[in-house]
């Protein structure tokens, strides 16, 4: 079942409402990192839609500015919008490395 696609840039109230529901930022361009260790891998999201909705999360399909598509867990996509995402991922990897 295809659910309505929403803009990766802030354009209309429907996109804003859907962003709020998913916990995404409402006032900025959405981004996706192809490599969680490299800030240079950041790509703007052209549009997104829910592929599937579960009780506590959704599977989101992203259409990216480089013309590729990818599916992502909604919670991880929300984390990706943080300005400190790359730094947070590096810290998480350090903790995992130390504890292993």
Protein backbone atom coordinates (compact mmCIF):
# COMPACT_ATOMS: atom_id res chain seq x y z
CA UNK A 1 0.00 0.00 0.00
CA UNK A 2 1.59 3.27 -1.11
CA UNK A 3 1.13 6.10 1.32
CA UNK A 4 1.41 9.72 0.18
CA UNK A 5 4.94 10.93 -0.49
CA UNK A 6 6.15 13.99 1.42
CA UNK A 7 8.77 16.54 0.48
CA UNK A 8 12.25 16.38 2.02
CA UNK A 9 12.22 20.19 2.03
CA UNK A 10 9.63 22.11 4.02
CA UNK A 11 6.92 22.97 1.50
CA UNK A 12 3.42 22.37 2.78
CA UNK A 13 1.35 21.68 5.87
CA UNK A 14 0.85 17.99 5.00
CA UNK A 15 4.62 17.45 4.99
CA UNK A 16 4.92 19.33 8.28
CA UNK A 17 2.16 17.24 9.88
CA UNK A 18 3.75 13.98 8.74
CA UNK A 19 7.17 15.11 9.99
CA UNK A 20 5.68 15.92 13.41
CA UNK A 21 4.00 12.52 13.59
CA UNK A 22 7.30 10.75 12.82
CA UNK A 23 9.35 12.98 15.14
CA UNK A 24 11.30 14.58 12.29
CA UNK A 25 12.37 18.24 12.25
CA UNK A 26 9.69 20.45 10.76
CA UNK A 27 11.71 23.47 9.65
CA UNK A 28 14.81 22.11 7.89
CA UNK A 29 15.84 20.06 4.87
CA UNK A 30 15.95 16.34 5.69
CA UNK A 31 19.24 14.54 5.10
CA UNK A 32 20.52 10.98 4.82
CA UNK A 33 24.09 9.80 5.51
CA UNK A 34 25.21 6.99 3.21
CA UNK A 35 28.13 6.33 5.58
CA UNK A 36 27.54 6.98 9.27
CA UNK A 37 31.27 7.69 9.71
CA UNK A 38 31.61 10.33 7.00
CA UNK A 39 30.00 13.76 7.05
CA UNK A 40 30.77 14.04 3.31
CA UNK A 41 28.31 11.21 2.61
CA UNK A 42 25.34 13.47 3.46
CA UNK A 43 22.65 13.60 0.75
CA UNK A 44 19.50 15.72 0.79
CA UNK A 45 16.18 13.87 0.87
CA UNK A 46 13.93 14.82 -2.05
CA UNK A 47 10.88 12.98 -0.73
CA UNK A 48 9.86 10.24 1.68
CA UNK A 49 6.92 7.98 2.39
CA UNK A 50 5.99 5.19 4.74
CA UNK A 51 6.31 1.72 3.24
CA UNK A 52 4.91 0.07 6.37
CA UNK A 53 3.64 1.32 9.73
CA UNK A 54 4.08 -0.67 12.94
CA UNK A 55 2.85 0.18 16.46
CA UNK A 56 6.07 1.96 17.52
CA UNK A 57 7.94 2.68 14.27
CA UNK A 58 7.67 2.89 10.49
CA UNK A 59 9.69 1.71 7.52
CA UNK A 60 10.43 4.84 5.48
CA UNK A 61 11.49 4.93 1.82
CA UNK A 62 13.69 7.90 0.97
CA UNK A 63 14.20 9.35 -2.49
CA UNK A 64 17.57 11.09 -2.44
CA UNK A 65 18.99 14.02 -4.39
CA UNK A 66 21.52 11.70 -6.07
CA UNK A 67 18.52 9.87 -7.60
CA UNK A 68 18.92 6.77 -5.41
CA UNK A 69 16.35 5.30 -3.02
CA UNK A 70 16.79 3.60 0.32
CA UNK A 71 14.62 2.22 3.10
CA UNK A 72 15.29 3.17 6.72
CA UNK A 73 13.86 2.60 10.19
CA UNK A 74 11.98 5.75 11.21
CA UNK A 75 13.79 6.09 14.57
CA UNK A 76 17.21 5.88 12.91
CA UNK A 77 16.11 8.44 10.32
CA UNK A 78 15.10 10.79 13.16
CA UNK A 79 18.56 10.31 14.77
CA UNK A 80 20.18 11.13 11.44
CA UNK A 81 18.66 14.63 11.49
CA UNK A 82 20.71 15.61 14.55
CA UNK A 83 23.57 18.04 13.81
CA UNK A 84 25.80 15.78 15.95
CA UNK A 85 24.84 12.52 14.19
CA UNK A 86 28.35 11.65 12.91
CA UNK A 87 29.96 12.50 16.26
CA UNK A 88 27.31 10.46 18.10
CA UNK A 89 27.96 7.44 15.85
CA UNK A 90 31.72 7.73 16.42
CA UNK A 91 31.18 7.83 20.19
CA UNK A 92 28.86 4.83 20.02
CA UNK A 93 31.47 2.85 18.07
CA UNK A 94 34.14 3.72 20.67
CA UNK A 95 31.91 2.45 23.46
CA UNK A 96 31.17 -0.76 21.58
CA UNK A 97 34.86 -1.30 20.85
CA UNK A 98 35.84 -0.79 24.50
CA UNK A 99 33.13 -3.12 25.81
CA UNK A 100 33.98 -6.00 23.45
